[in-house]
Amino acid sequence: MDTITQLVTIAAVVLGGLTTYLTNNLMERSRRKDGLRLRWDEKKLDAYADYVGRVRTSIHLAVLLYEVREEIRLMPRTEHELAMELTEAGGAQAMAFERVMLLAGDEVIEAAHAIQENLAAIGWQARGIVDGTLADWRSLHTEAFKAINRFHESARADLGVRGRFEGEHHTARGLLLPGARNSDGASDRP
């Protein structure tokens, strides 16, 4: 009986050691996986925020160029200087887009492509490559900001952020654009 008791004890110790080893190995693997996921999520967040910031900078510069070119606004910078700033911002924004392409999931990439298309249309009208009315200009911006909102929503889902900001409460606010001027030069908005 002593031999059987000793064999059972040895088997229990070996089984306990194997169980401990496997449990620790699985926990360490899970910890590494979580750490890697967290690191990639941080990189994604940085890339998404950088991209949206550069998109908004490009839109802002396009607005300035358009307003100077259309003589809506007077500025100390010339149309050429603003066009060059828009070109530089566009290059930086394109590089930020490439980072998104490397890190993002399919839905985020599709949303970013929609922004790129809208941004190109805004740039073309700002530079005078494409003709359009002020109403066309406003429509381009409305579509661009809808595309940015879709990007935000896709990026939030990709990062696992709960809740939604898109919908009636967020998009109903519209764009904060000045009203069109009437024939007296006064704004149509109060």
Protein backbone atom coordinates (compact mmCIF):
# COMPACT_ATOMS: atom_id res chain seq x y z
CA MET A 1 0.00 0.00 0.00
CA ASP A 2 2.87 2.36 0.63
CA THR A 3 3.99 2.16 -2.98
CA ILE A 4 0.50 2.92 -4.29
CA THR A 5 0.14 5.81 -1.84
CA GLN A 6 3.50 7.18 -2.93
CA LEU A 7 2.60 6.82 -6.64
CA VAL A 8 -0.73 8.60 -6.06
CA THR A 9 1.08 11.36 -4.16
CA ILE A 10 3.69 11.72 -6.92
CA ALA A 11 0.96 11.75 -9.58
CA ALA A 12 -0.96 14.41 -7.64
CA VAL A 13 2.19 16.55 -7.32
CA VAL A 14 2.99 16.15 -11.02
CA LEU A 15 -0.62 16.92 -11.97
CA GLY A 16 -0.63 19.93 -9.66
CA GLY A 17 2.66 21.16 -11.14
CA LEU A 18 1.40 20.74 -14.70
CA THR A 19 -1.87 22.49 -13.84
CA THR A 20 0.03 25.38 -12.24
CA TYR A 21 2.39 25.62 -15.22
CA LEU A 22 -0.45 25.61 -17.76
CA THR A 23 -2.48 28.12 -15.76
CA ASN A 24 0.47 30.49 -15.42
CA ASN A 25 1.33 30.07 -19.09
CA LEU A 26 -2.24 30.87 -20.17
CA MET A 27 -2.42 33.87 -17.82
CA GLU A 28 0.90 35.23 -19.12
CA ARG A 29 -0.21 34.74 -22.72
CA SER A 30 -3.48 36.54 -21.94
CA ARG A 31 -1.57 39.38 -20.25
CA ARG A 32 0.74 39.76 -23.25
CA LYS A 33 -2.23 39.68 -25.64
CA ASP A 34 -4.06 42.34 -23.60
CA GLY A 35 -0.92 44.47 -23.47
CA LEU A 36 -0.45 44.19 -27.22
CA ARG A 37 -4.11 45.02 -27.86
CA LEU A 38 -3.87 48.03 -25.56
CA ARG A 39 -0.70 49.21 -27.31
CA TRP A 40 -2.35 48.92 -30.74
CA ASP A 41 -5.49 50.66 -29.48
CA GLU A 42 -3.32 53.55 -28.27
CA LYS A 43 -1.62 53.73 -31.66
CA LYS A 44 -5.00 53.65 -33.41
CA LEU A 45 -6.38 56.40 -31.18
CA ASP A 46 -3.34 58.58 -31.88
CA ALA A 47 -3.61 57.92 -35.63
CA TYR A 48 -7.36 58.61 -35.72
CA ALA A 49 -7.08 61.83 -33.71
CA ASP A 50 -4.11 63.05 -35.78
CA TYR A 51 -5.97 62.32 -39.00
CA VAL A 52 -9.14 64.17 -37.99
CA GLY A 53 -7.05 67.11 -36.74
CA ARG A 54 -5.22 67.34 -40.05
CA VAL A 55 -8.48 67.02 -41.99
CA ARG A 56 -9.94 69.92 -40.04
CA THR A 57 -6.79 71.97 -40.62
CA SER A 58 -7.08 71.34 -44.35
CA ILE A 59 -10.75 72.33 -44.30
CA HIS A 60 -9.95 75.51 -42.37
CA LEU A 61 -7.23 76.49 -44.86
CA ALA A 62 -9.56 75.70 -47.77
CA VAL A 63 -12.16 78.02 -46.25
CA LEU A 64 -9.62 80.83 -45.91
CA LEU A 65 -8.44 80.34 -49.49
CA TYR A 66 -11.99 80.24 -50.83
CA GLU A 67 -13.01 83.36 -48.94
CA VAL A 68 -9.94 85.30 -50.11
CA ARG A 69 -10.32 84.09 -53.70
CA GLU A 70 -14.04 84.96 -53.72
CA GLU A 71 -13.30 88.29 -51.97
CA ILE A 72 -15.50 87.37 -49.01
CA ARG A 73 -12.69 88.04 -46.54
CA LEU A 74 -9.64 90.28 -46.56
CA MET A 75 -6.46 88.82 -45.12
CA PRO A 76 -2.82 89.86 -44.96
CA ARG A 77 -1.90 86.59 -46.71
CA THR A 78 -2.24 86.33 -50.45
CA GLU A 79 -4.23 83.74 -52.36
CA HIS A 80 -0.95 82.12 -53.43
CA GLU A 81 0.34 81.90 -49.84
CA LEU A 82 -2.92 80.32 -48.70
CA ALA A 83 -2.82 77.86 -51.60
CA MET A 84 0.72 76.85 -50.62
CA GLU A 85 -0.36 76.39 -46.97
CA LEU A 86 -3.27 74.26 -48.14
CA THR A 87 -0.88 72.17 -50.24
CA GLU A 88 1.45 71.61 -47.27
CA ALA A 89 -1.46 70.75 -44.99
CA GLY A 90 -2.77 68.36 -47.63
CA GLY A 91 0.56 66.52 -47.68
CA ALA A 92 0.57 66.13 -43.90
CA GLN A 93 -3.06 65.05 -43.98
CA ALA A 94 -2.28 62.44 -46.67
CA MET A 95 0.46 60.98 -44.46
CA ALA A 96 -1.98 60.81 -41.54
CA PHE A 97 -4.44 59.02 -43.85
CA GLU A 98 -1.76 56.43 -44.63
CA ARG A 99 -1.31 55.73 -40.89
CA VAL A 100 -5.06 55.16 -40.63
CA MET A 101 -4.85 52.77 -43.58
CA LEU A 102 -2.14 50.77 -41.79
CA LEU A 103 -3.92 50.48 -38.43
CA ALA A 104 -7.67 50.61 -39.03
CA GLY A 105 -10.34 48.05 -39.71
CA ASP A 106 -12.38 47.99 -42.92
CA GLU A 107 -15.22 50.25 -41.71
CA VAL A 108 -12.82 52.94 -40.51
CA ILE A 109 -10.88 52.78 -43.78
CA GLU A 110 -14.08 53.17 -45.80
CA ALA A 111 -15.10 56.16 -43.67
CA ALA A 112 -11.66 57.71 -44.18
CA HIS A 113 -11.95 57.24 -47.96
CA ALA A 114 -15.27 59.15 -47.87
CA ILE A 115 -13.53 61.99 -46.03
CA GLN A 116 -10.75 62.00 -48.62
CA GLU A 117 -13.28 62.33 -51.45
CA ASN A 118 -15.11 65.18 -49.70
CA LEU A 119 -11.87 66.94 -48.84
CA ALA A 120 -10.71 66.75 -52.46
CA ALA A 121 -13.97 68.37 -53.63
CA ILE A 122 -13.58 71.16 -51.07
CA GLY A 123 -9.99 71.75 -52.14
CA TRP A 124 -10.89 71.86 -55.82
CA GLN A 125 -13.56 74.49 -55.28
CA ALA A 126 -11.36 76.47 -52.88
CA ARG A 127 -8.60 76.62 -55.50
CA GLY A 128 -11.04 77.50 -58.29
CA ILE A 129 -10.37 74.27 -60.21
CA VAL A 130 -14.09 73.50 -60.03
CA ASP A 131 -16.70 76.23 -60.26
CA GLY A 132 -19.56 76.34 -57.81
CA THR A 133 -21.88 78.61 -55.93
CA LEU A 134 -21.78 79.47 -52.26
CA ALA A 135 -24.65 76.98 -51.82
CA ASP A 136 -22.49 74.31 -53.49
CA TRP A 137 -19.64 75.26 -51.15
CA ARG A 138 -21.87 74.89 -48.10
CA SER A 139 -23.17 71.55 -49.36
CA LEU A 140 -19.60 70.27 -49.74
CA HIS A 141 -18.90 71.17 -46.13
CA THR A 142 -22.10 69.57 -44.89
CA GLU A 143 -21.15 66.32 -46.64
CA ALA A 144 -17.57 66.53 -45.35
CA PHE A 145 -18.70 66.89 -41.75
CA LYS A 146 -21.18 64.03 -42.17
CA ALA A 147 -18.25 61.92 -43.41
CA ILE A 148 -16.17 63.01 -40.40
CA ASN A 149 -19.02 61.99 -38.09
CA ARG A 150 -19.19 58.56 -39.80
CA PHE A 151 -15.42 58.26 -39.31
CA HIS A 152 -15.78 59.11 -35.63
CA GLU A 153 -18.51 56.51 -35.22
CA SER A 154 -16.48 53.81 -37.00
CA ALA A 155 -13.32 54.68 -35.07
CA ARG A 156 -15.19 54.55 -31.75
CA ALA A 157 -16.54 51.10 -32.63
CA ASP A 158 -13.07 49.94 -33.70
CA LEU A 159 -11.64 51.12 -30.37
CA GLY A 160 -14.47 49.57 -28.36
CA VAL A 161 -15.85 52.89 -27.11
CA ARG A 162 -19.44 52.45 -26.00
CA GLY A 163 -22.22 54.88 -26.80
CA ARG A 164 -23.09 56.85 -29.88
CA PHE A 165 -22.75 60.52 -30.64
CA GLU A 166 -24.10 60.38 -34.17
CA GLY A 167 -27.79 60.93 -34.65
CA GLU A 168 -30.36 63.62 -34.12
CA HIS A 169 -28.70 65.29 -31.14
CA HIS A 170 -25.26 65.66 -32.69
CA THR A 171 -25.85 66.19 -36.41
CA ALA A 172 -28.96 68.36 -35.94
CA ARG A 173 -26.69 71.13 -34.73
CA GLY A 174 -25.53 71.72 -38.27
CA LEU A 175 -22.59 73.76 -39.39
CA LEU A 176 -21.77 77.09 -37.88
CA LEU A 177 -21.52 79.01 -41.14
CA PRO A 178 -22.38 82.64 -41.65
CA GLY A 179 -25.57 83.34 -43.52
CA ALA A 180 -25.53 84.34 -47.16
CA ARG A 181 -25.46 88.09 -47.72
CA ASN A 182 -28.41 89.75 -49.33
CA SER A 183 -28.20 92.55 -51.91
CA ASP A 184 -27.72 95.16 -49.13
CA GLY A 185 -24.61 93.34 -47.90
CA ALA A 186 -26.31 92.31 -44.65
CA SER A 187 -26.36 88.71 -43.47
CA ASP A 188 -29.58 86.71 -43.80
CA ARG A 189 -29.05 85.32 -40.28
CA PRO A 190 -30.05 87.32 -37.20
